[in-house]
Amino acid sequence: MEVLGAGKQRGRAAYYGGEEYTPELSPKIKVEVLAPAEHCEWLVGVVGDAARTGEVGDGKVWVVAVESVLRIRMGEVGREAV
């Protein structure tokens, strides 16, 4: 997803119409992955390796437990819905 956010690179000057300004929000990319718990450690490593540039703004990876999933169209619940 393309999103906007404020990070440590905030304050970097940008130009629009020949005028310098300091944007409050910078364009970011957000990636969401829903996977079984046993794949989480591997996925964190893969995403981290793929996204790492060594520059400010590389981002973060965090894992959140999902209590329940429902595929609305099919009525599937739990792992079947994933």
PDB file of N, CA and C in Angstrom:
ATOM      1  N   MET A   1       0.840  -1.176   0.000  1.00  0.00           N
ATOM      2  CA  MET A   1       0.000   0.000   0.000  1.00  0.00           C
ATOM      3  C   MET A   1       0.880   1.232   0.000  1.00  0.00           C
ATOM      4  N   GLU A   2       0.469   2.219  -0.720  1.00  0.00           N
ATOM      5  CA  GLU A   2       1.130   3.509  -0.634  1.00  0.00           C
ATOM      6  C   GLU A   2       0.467   4.287   0.489  1.00  0.00           C
ATOM      7  N   VAL A   3       1.269   4.754   1.447  1.00  0.00           N
ATOM      8  CA  VAL A   3       0.766   5.484   2.609  1.00  0.00           C
ATOM      9  C   VAL A   3       1.644   6.709   2.828  1.00  0.00           C
ATOM     10  N   LEU A   4       1.237   7.562   3.761  1.00  0.00           N
ATOM     11  CA  LEU A   4       2.030   8.717   4.155  1.00  0.00           C
ATOM     12  C   LEU A   4       2.407   8.560   5.618  1.00  0.00           C
ATOM     13  N   GLY A   5       3.600   9.015   5.981  1.00  0.00           N
ATOM     14  CA  GLY A   5       4.029   8.901   7.358  1.00  0.00           C
ATOM     15  C   GLY A   5       5.129   9.891   7.670  1.00  0.00           C
ATOM     16  N   ALA A   6       5.420  10.015   8.947  1.00  0.00           N
ATOM     17  CA  ALA A   6       6.494  10.897   9.414  1.00  0.00           C
ATOM     18  C   ALA A   6       7.527  10.027  10.114  1.00  0.00           C
ATOM     19  N   GLY A   7       8.739  10.100   9.662  1.00  0.00           N
ATOM     20  CA  GLY A   7       9.803   9.308  10.264  1.00  0.00           C
ATOM     21  C   GLY A   7      10.988  10.180  10.598  1.00  0.00           C
ATOM     22  N   LYS A   8      12.131   9.570  10.849  1.00  0.00           N
ATOM     23  CA  LYS A   8      13.323  10.325  11.213  1.00  0.00           C
ATOM     24  C   LYS A   8      13.845  11.178  10.074  1.00  0.00           C
ATOM     25  N   GLN A   9      13.470  10.879   8.840  1.00  0.00           N
ATOM     26  CA  GLN A   9      13.911  11.681   7.712  1.00  0.00           C
ATOM     27  C   GLN A   9      13.064  12.943   7.570  1.00  0.00           C
ATOM     28  N   ARG A  10      12.158  13.155   8.501  1.00  0.00           N
ATOM     29  CA  ARG A  10      11.302  14.333   8.505  1.00  0.00           C
ATOM     30  C   ARG A  10      12.168  15.595   8.499  1.00  0.00           C
ATOM     31  N   GLY A  11      11.701  16.603   7.815  1.00  0.00           N
ATOM     32  CA  GLY A  11      12.435  17.849   7.770  1.00  0.00           C
ATOM     33  C   GLY A  11      13.297  17.987   6.527  1.00  0.00           C
ATOM     34  N   ARG A  12      13.388  16.953   5.731  1.00  0.00           N
ATOM     35  CA  ARG A  12      14.147  17.014   4.491  1.00  0.00           C
ATOM     36  C   ARG A  12      13.409  17.945   3.531  1.00  0.00           C
ATOM     37  N   ALA A  13      14.106  18.916   2.986  1.00  0.00           N
ATOM     38  CA  ALA A  13      13.488  19.893   2.101  1.00  0.00           C
ATOM     39  C   ALA A  13      13.030  19.240   0.802  1.00  0.00           C
ATOM     40  N   ALA A  14      11.897  19.689   0.304  1.00  0.00           N
ATOM     41  CA  ALA A  14      11.376  19.240  -0.979  1.00  0.00           C
ATOM     42  C   ALA A  14      11.033  20.481  -1.786  1.00  0.00           C
ATOM     43  N   TYR A  15      10.808  20.288  -3.071  1.00  0.00           N
ATOM     44  CA  TYR A  15      10.503  21.416  -3.944  1.00  0.00           C
ATOM     45  C   TYR A  15       9.222  21.150  -4.703  1.00  0.00           C
ATOM     46  N   TYR A  16       8.386  22.172  -4.786  1.00  0.00           N
ATOM     47  CA  TYR A  16       7.147  22.092  -5.553  1.00  0.00           C
ATOM     48  C   TYR A  16       6.936  23.440  -6.218  1.00  0.00           C
ATOM     49  N   GLY A  17       6.802  23.441  -7.517  1.00  0.00           N
ATOM     50  CA  GLY A  17       6.611  24.693  -8.251  1.00  0.00           C
ATOM     51  C   GLY A  17       7.779  25.653  -8.095  1.00  0.00           C
ATOM     52  N   GLY A  18       8.980  25.094  -7.916  1.00  0.00           N
ATOM     53  CA  GLY A  18      10.169  25.917  -7.759  1.00  0.00           C
ATOM     54  C   GLY A  18      10.358  26.472  -6.365  1.00  0.00           C
ATOM     55  N   GLU A  19       9.432  26.217  -5.465  1.00  0.00           N
ATOM     56  CA  GLU A  19       9.504  26.700  -4.088  1.00  0.00           C
ATOM     57  C   GLU A  19       9.920  25.576  -3.147  1.00  0.00           C
ATOM     58  N   GLU A  20      10.793  25.906  -2.214  1.00  0.00           N
ATOM     59  CA  GLU A  20      11.211  24.911  -1.222  1.00  0.00           C
ATOM     60  C   GLU A  20      10.200  24.880  -0.082  1.00  0.00           C
ATOM     61  N   TYR A  21       9.879  23.692   0.370  1.00  0.00           N
ATOM     62  CA  TYR A  21       9.006  23.526   1.538  1.00  0.00           C
ATOM     63  C   TYR A  21       9.431  22.275   2.284  1.00  0.00           C
ATOM     64  N   THR A  22       8.988  22.162   3.526  1.00  0.00           N
ATOM     65  CA  THR A  22       9.293  20.997   4.339  1.00  0.00           C
ATOM     66  C   THR A  22       8.010  20.191   4.507  1.00  0.00           C
ATOM     67  N   PRO A  23       7.926  19.036   3.859  1.00  0.00           N
ATOM     68  CA  PRO A  23       6.693  18.237   3.960  1.00  0.00           C
ATOM     69  C   PRO A  23       6.533  17.654   5.364  1.00  0.00           C
ATOM     70  N   GLU A  24       5.299  17.631   5.828  1.00  0.00           N
ATOM     71  CA  GLU A  24       5.031  17.050   7.139  1.00  0.00           C
ATOM     72  C   GLU A  24       4.919  15.535   7.058  1.00  0.00           C
ATOM     73  N   LEU A  25       4.449  15.032   5.935  1.00  0.00           N
ATOM     74  CA  LEU A  25       4.314  13.595   5.747  1.00  0.00           C
ATOM     75  C   LEU A  25       5.051  13.189   4.477  1.00  0.00           C
ATOM     76  N   SER A  26       5.737  12.055   4.554  1.00  0.00           N
ATOM     77  CA  SER A  26       6.498  11.556   3.410  1.00  0.00           C
ATOM     78  C   SER A  26       5.822  10.307   2.868  1.00  0.00           C
ATOM     79  N   PRO A  27       5.930  10.071   1.559  1.00  0.00           N
ATOM     80  CA  PRO A  27       5.358   8.851   0.996  1.00  0.00           C
ATOM     81  C   PRO A  27       6.100   7.617   1.510  1.00  0.00           C
ATOM     82  N   LYS A  28       5.369   6.601   1.850  1.00  0.00           N
ATOM     83  CA  LYS A  28       5.917   5.339   2.364  1.00  0.00           C
ATOM     84  C   LYS A  28       5.231   4.186   1.643  1.00  0.00           C
ATOM     85  N   ILE A  29       5.750   3.005   1.844  1.00  0.00           N
ATOM     86  CA  ILE A  29       5.109   1.789   1.344  1.00  0.00           C
ATOM     87  C   ILE A  29       4.848   0.892   2.539  1.00  0.00           C
ATOM     88  N   LYS A  30       3.639   0.390   2.642  1.00  0.00           N
ATOM     89  CA  LYS A  30       3.257  -0.494   3.733  1.00  0.00           C
ATOM     90  C   LYS A  30       2.943  -1.868   3.150  1.00  0.00           C
ATOM     91  N   VAL A  31       3.537  -2.889   3.733  1.00  0.00           N
ATOM     92  CA  VAL A  31       3.311  -4.260   3.294  1.00  0.00           C
ATOM     93  C   VAL A  31       2.678  -5.024   4.454  1.00  0.00           C
ATOM     94  N   GLU A  32       1.572  -5.679   4.198  1.00  0.00           N
ATOM     95  CA  GLU A  32       0.921  -6.507   5.216  1.00  0.00           C
ATOM     96  C   GLU A  32       0.896  -7.943   4.726  1.00  0.00           C
ATOM     97  N   VAL A  33       1.268  -8.864   5.604  1.00  0.00           N
ATOM     98  CA  VAL A  33       1.287 -10.287   5.275  1.00  0.00           C
ATOM     99  C   VAL A  33       0.557 -11.034   6.382  1.00  0.00           C
ATOM    100  N   LEU A  34      -0.347 -11.890   6.012  1.00  0.00           N
ATOM    101  CA  LEU A  34      -1.034 -12.752   6.969  1.00  0.00           C
ATOM    102  C   LEU A  34      -0.538 -14.167   6.724  1.00  0.00           C
ATOM    103  N   ALA A  35       0.078 -14.748   7.751  1.00  0.00           N
ATOM    104  CA  ALA A  35       0.685 -16.067   7.583  1.00  0.00           C
ATOM    105  C   ALA A  35       0.559 -16.857   8.880  1.00  0.00           C
ATOM    106  N   PRO A  36       0.655 -18.187   8.788  1.00  0.00           N
ATOM    107  CA  PRO A  36       0.636 -19.009   9.996  1.00  0.00           C
ATOM    108  C   PRO A  36       1.819 -18.684  10.907  1.00  0.00           C
ATOM    109  N   ALA A  37       1.636 -18.845  12.207  1.00  0.00           N
ATOM    110  CA  ALA A  37       2.654 -18.496  13.200  1.00  0.00           C
ATOM    111  C   ALA A  37       3.990 -19.175  12.934  1.00  0.00           C
ATOM    112  N   GLU A  38       3.964 -20.391  12.428  1.00  0.00           N
ATOM    113  CA  GLU A  38       5.223 -21.108  12.214  1.00  0.00           C
ATOM    114  C   GLU A  38       6.075 -20.506  11.093  1.00  0.00           C
ATOM    115  N   HIS A  39       5.508 -19.626  10.282  1.00  0.00           N
ATOM    116  CA  HIS A  39       6.267 -18.987   9.195  1.00  0.00           C
ATOM    117  C   HIS A  39       6.752 -17.588   9.546  1.00  0.00           C
ATOM    118  N   CYS A  40       6.340 -17.067  10.701  1.00  0.00           N
ATOM    119  CA  CYS A  40       6.613 -15.665  11.032  1.00  0.00           C
ATOM    120  C   CYS A  40       8.095 -15.334  11.112  1.00  0.00           C
ATOM    121  N   GLU A  41       8.868 -16.133  11.807  1.00  0.00           N
ATOM    122  CA  GLU A  41      10.298 -15.838  11.950  1.00  0.00           C
ATOM    123  C   GLU A  41      10.971 -15.790  10.569  1.00  0.00           C
ATOM    124  N   TRP A  42      10.656 -16.735   9.722  1.00  0.00           N
ATOM    125  CA  TRP A  42      11.222 -16.778   8.376  1.00  0.00           C
ATOM    126  C   TRP A  42      10.796 -15.548   7.569  1.00  0.00           C
ATOM    127  N   LEU A  43       9.501 -15.192   7.635  1.00  0.00           N
ATOM    128  CA  LEU A  43       8.997 -14.042   6.891  1.00  0.00           C
ATOM    129  C   LEU A  43       9.631 -12.735   7.349  1.00  0.00           C
ATOM    130  N   VAL A  44       9.821 -12.571   8.656  1.00  0.00           N
ATOM    131  CA  VAL A  44      10.466 -11.368   9.173  1.00  0.00           C
ATOM    132  C   VAL A  44      11.864 -11.242   8.582  1.00  0.00           C
ATOM    133  N   GLY A  45      12.602 -12.334   8.519  1.00  0.00           N
ATOM    134  CA  GLY A  45      13.937 -12.322   7.933  1.00  0.00           C
ATOM    135  C   GLY A  45      13.928 -11.984   6.457  1.00  0.00           C
ATOM    136  N   VAL A  46      13.006 -12.570   5.721  1.00  0.00           N
ATOM    137  CA  VAL A  46      12.919 -12.332   4.278  1.00  0.00           C
ATOM    138  C   VAL A  46      12.573 -10.874   3.994  1.00  0.00           C
ATOM    139  N   VAL A  47      11.574 -10.353   4.675  1.00  0.00           N
ATOM    140  CA  VAL A  47      11.156  -8.965   4.451  1.00  0.00           C
ATOM    141  C   VAL A  47      12.271  -8.017   4.878  1.00  0.00           C
ATOM    142  N   GLY A  48      12.884  -8.275   6.019  1.00  0.00           N
ATOM    143  CA  GLY A  48      13.974  -7.425   6.485  1.00  0.00           C
ATOM    144  C   GLY A  48      15.137  -7.393   5.517  1.00  0.00           C
ATOM    145  N   ASP A  49      15.516  -8.548   5.008  1.00  0.00           N
ATOM    146  CA  ASP A  49      16.618  -8.613   4.042  1.00  0.00           C
ATOM    147  C   ASP A  49      16.274  -7.885   2.742  1.00  0.00           C
ATOM    148  N   ALA A  50      15.040  -8.033   2.289  1.00  0.00           N
ATOM    149  CA  ALA A  50      14.635  -7.411   1.025  1.00  0.00           C
ATOM    150  C   ALA A  50      14.524  -5.889   1.140  1.00  0.00           C
ATOM    151  N   ALA A  51      14.133  -5.380   2.310  1.00  0.00           N
ATOM    152  CA  ALA A  51      13.881  -3.952   2.474  1.00  0.00           C
ATOM    153  C   ALA A  51      15.106  -3.168   2.942  1.00  0.00           C
ATOM    154  N   ARG A  52      16.109  -3.847   3.459  1.00  0.00           N
ATOM    155  CA  ARG A  52      17.262  -3.161   4.063  1.00  0.00           C
ATOM    156  C   ARG A  52      18.127  -2.475   3.013  1.00  0.00           C
ATOM    157  N   THR A  53      18.281  -1.140   3.181  1.00  0.00           N
ATOM    158  CA  THR A  53      19.197  -0.375   2.338  1.00  0.00           C
ATOM    159  C   THR A  53      20.343   0.182   3.169  1.00  0.00           C
ATOM    160  N   GLY A  54      20.159   0.202   4.492  1.00  0.00           N
ATOM    161  CA  GLY A  54      21.155   0.793   5.370  1.00  0.00           C
ATOM    162  C   GLY A  54      20.958   2.286   5.560  1.00  0.00           C
ATOM    163  N   GLU A  55      19.913   2.829   4.967  1.00  0.00           N
ATOM    164  CA  GLU A  55      19.627   4.262   5.059  1.00  0.00           C
ATOM    165  C   GLU A  55      18.489   4.511   6.046  1.00  0.00           C
ATOM    166  N   VAL A  56      18.413   5.748   6.534  1.00  0.00           N
ATOM    167  CA  VAL A  56      17.295   6.154   7.380  1.00  0.00           C
ATOM    168  C   VAL A  56      16.013   5.949   6.580  1.00  0.00           C
ATOM    169  N   GLY A  57      14.984   5.390   7.218  1.00  0.00           N
ATOM    170  CA  GLY A  57      13.714   5.188   6.544  1.00  0.00           C
ATOM    171  C   GLY A  57      13.497   3.788   6.021  1.00  0.00           C
ATOM    172  N   ASP A  58      14.415   2.866   6.334  1.00  0.00           N
ATOM    173  CA  ASP A  58      14.234   1.476   5.898  1.00  0.00           C
ATOM    174  C   ASP A  58      12.942   0.884   6.447  1.00  0.00           C
ATOM    175  N   GLY A  59      12.488   1.348   7.591  1.00  0.00           N
ATOM    176  CA  GLY A  59      11.219   0.896   8.137  1.00  0.00           C
ATOM    177  C   GLY A  59      11.360  -0.090   9.262  1.00  0.00           C
ATOM    178  N   LYS A  60      10.264  -0.732   9.579  1.00  0.00           N
ATOM    179  CA  LYS A  60      10.181  -1.679  10.688  1.00  0.00           C
ATOM    180  C   LYS A  60       9.349  -2.880  10.249  1.00  0.00           C
ATOM    181  N   VAL A  61       9.579  -3.985  10.924  1.00  0.00           N
ATOM    182  CA  VAL A  61       8.753  -5.176  10.750  1.00  0.00           C
ATOM    183  C   VAL A  61       8.237  -5.531  12.132  1.00  0.00           C
ATOM    184  N   TRP A  62       6.942  -5.732  12.264  1.00  0.00           N
ATOM    185  CA  TRP A  62       6.413  -6.206  13.534  1.00  0.00           C
ATOM    186  C   TRP A  62       5.396  -7.292  13.290  1.00  0.00           C
ATOM    187  N   VAL A  63       5.243  -8.126  14.300  1.00  0.00           N
ATOM    188  CA  VAL A  63       4.359  -9.287  14.216  1.00  0.00           C
ATOM    189  C   VAL A  63       3.225  -9.097  15.217  1.00  0.00           C
ATOM    190  N   VAL A  64       2.014  -9.295  14.743  1.00  0.00           N
ATOM    191  CA  VAL A  64       0.827  -9.162  15.576  1.00  0.00           C
ATOM    192  C   VAL A  64       0.029 -10.454  15.461  1.00  0.00           C
ATOM    193  N   ALA A  65      -0.370 -10.993  16.589  1.00  0.00           N
ATOM    194  CA  ALA A  65      -1.187 -12.205  16.578  1.00  0.00           C
ATOM    195  C   ALA A  65      -2.593 -11.869  16.077  1.00  0.00           C
ATOM    196  N   VAL A  66      -3.123 -12.715  15.227  1.00  0.00           N
ATOM    197  CA  VAL A  66      -4.486 -12.551  14.711  1.00  0.00           C
ATOM    198  C   VAL A  66      -5.359 -13.577  15.421  1.00  0.00           C
ATOM    199  N   GLU A  67      -6.345 -13.098  16.130  1.00  0.00           N
ATOM    200  CA  GLU A  67      -7.210 -13.965  16.926  1.00  0.00           C
ATOM    201  C   GLU A  67      -8.185 -14.763  16.062  1.00  0.00           C
ATOM    202  N   SER A  68      -8.677 -14.135  15.013  1.00  0.00           N
ATOM    203  CA  SER A  68      -9.674 -14.803  14.189  1.00  0.00           C
ATOM    204  C   SER A  68      -9.670 -14.199  12.790  1.00  0.00           C
ATOM    205  N   VAL A  69      -9.994 -15.027  11.817  1.00  0.00           N
ATOM    206  CA  VAL A  69     -10.107 -14.574  10.425  1.00  0.00           C
ATOM    207  C   VAL A  69     -11.391 -15.152   9.853  1.00  0.00           C
ATOM    208  N   LEU A  70     -12.115 -14.333   9.115  1.00  0.00           N
ATOM    209  CA  LEU A  70     -13.341 -14.772   8.452  1.00  0.00           C
ATOM    210  C   LEU A  70     -13.264 -14.344   6.997  1.00  0.00           C
ATOM    211  N   ARG A  71     -13.386 -15.297   6.087  1.00  0.00           N
ATOM    212  CA  ARG A  71     -13.519 -14.959   4.672  1.00  0.00           C
ATOM    213  C   ARG A  71     -15.009 -14.758   4.446  1.00  0.00           C
ATOM    214  N   ILE A  72     -15.402 -13.527   4.273  1.00  0.00           N
ATOM    215  CA  ILE A  72     -16.815 -13.160   4.250  1.00  0.00           C
ATOM    216  C   ILE A  72     -17.580 -13.894   3.154  1.00  0.00           C
ATOM    217  N   ARG A  73     -17.060 -13.891   1.934  1.00  0.00           N
ATOM    218  CA  ARG A  73     -17.793 -14.472   0.803  1.00  0.00           C
ATOM    219  C   ARG A  73     -18.089 -15.952   0.999  1.00  0.00           C
ATOM    220  N   MET A  74     -17.095 -16.701   1.485  1.00  0.00           N
ATOM    221  CA  MET A  74     -17.239 -18.156   1.598  1.00  0.00           C
ATOM    222  C   MET A  74     -17.686 -18.607   2.992  1.00  0.00           C
ATOM    223  N   GLY A  75     -17.588 -17.722   3.979  1.00  0.00           N
ATOM    224  CA  GLY A  75     -17.950 -18.101   5.336  1.00  0.00           C
ATOM    225  C   GLY A  75     -16.889 -18.934   6.033  1.00  0.00           C
ATOM    226  N   GLU A  76     -15.711 -19.035   5.444  1.00  0.00           N
ATOM    227  CA  GLU A  76     -14.620 -19.828   6.050  1.00  0.00           C
ATOM    228  C   GLU A  76     -14.029 -19.065   7.234  1.00  0.00           C
ATOM    229  N   VAL A  77     -13.627 -19.829   8.247  1.00  0.00           N
ATOM    230  CA  VAL A  77     -13.094 -19.239   9.470  1.00  0.00           C
ATOM    231  C   VAL A  77     -11.748 -19.889   9.787  1.00  0.00           C
ATOM    232  N   GLY A  78     -10.852 -19.124  10.406  1.00  0.00           N
ATOM    233  CA  GLY A  78      -9.551 -19.674  10.838  1.00  0.00           C
ATOM    234  C   GLY A  78      -8.609 -19.885   9.682  1.00  0.00           C
ATOM    235  N   ARG A  79      -7.792 -20.945   9.788  1.00  0.00           N
ATOM    236  CA  ARG A  79      -6.776 -21.236   8.763  1.00  0.00           C
ATOM    237  C   ARG A  79      -7.376 -21.421   7.374  1.00  0.00           C
ATOM    238  N   GLU A  80      -8.573 -21.954   7.316  1.00  0.00           N
ATOM    239  CA  GLU A  80      -9.230 -22.146   6.017  1.00  0.00           C
ATOM    240  C   GLU A  80      -9.484 -20.811   5.314  1.00  0.00           C
ATOM    241  N   ALA A  81      -9.666 -19.752   6.085  1.00  0.00           N
ATOM    242  CA  ALA A  81      -9.915 -18.439   5.522  1.00  0.00           C
ATOM    243  C   ALA A  81      -8.653 -17.769   5.007  1.00  0.00           C
ATOM    244  N   VAL A  82      -7.509 -18.230   5.495  1.00  0.00           N
ATOM    245  CA  VAL A  82      -6.237 -17.637   5.059  1.00  0.00           C
ATOM    246  C   VAL A  82      -5.846 -18.256   3.738  1.00  0.00           C
TER     247      VAL A  82
END
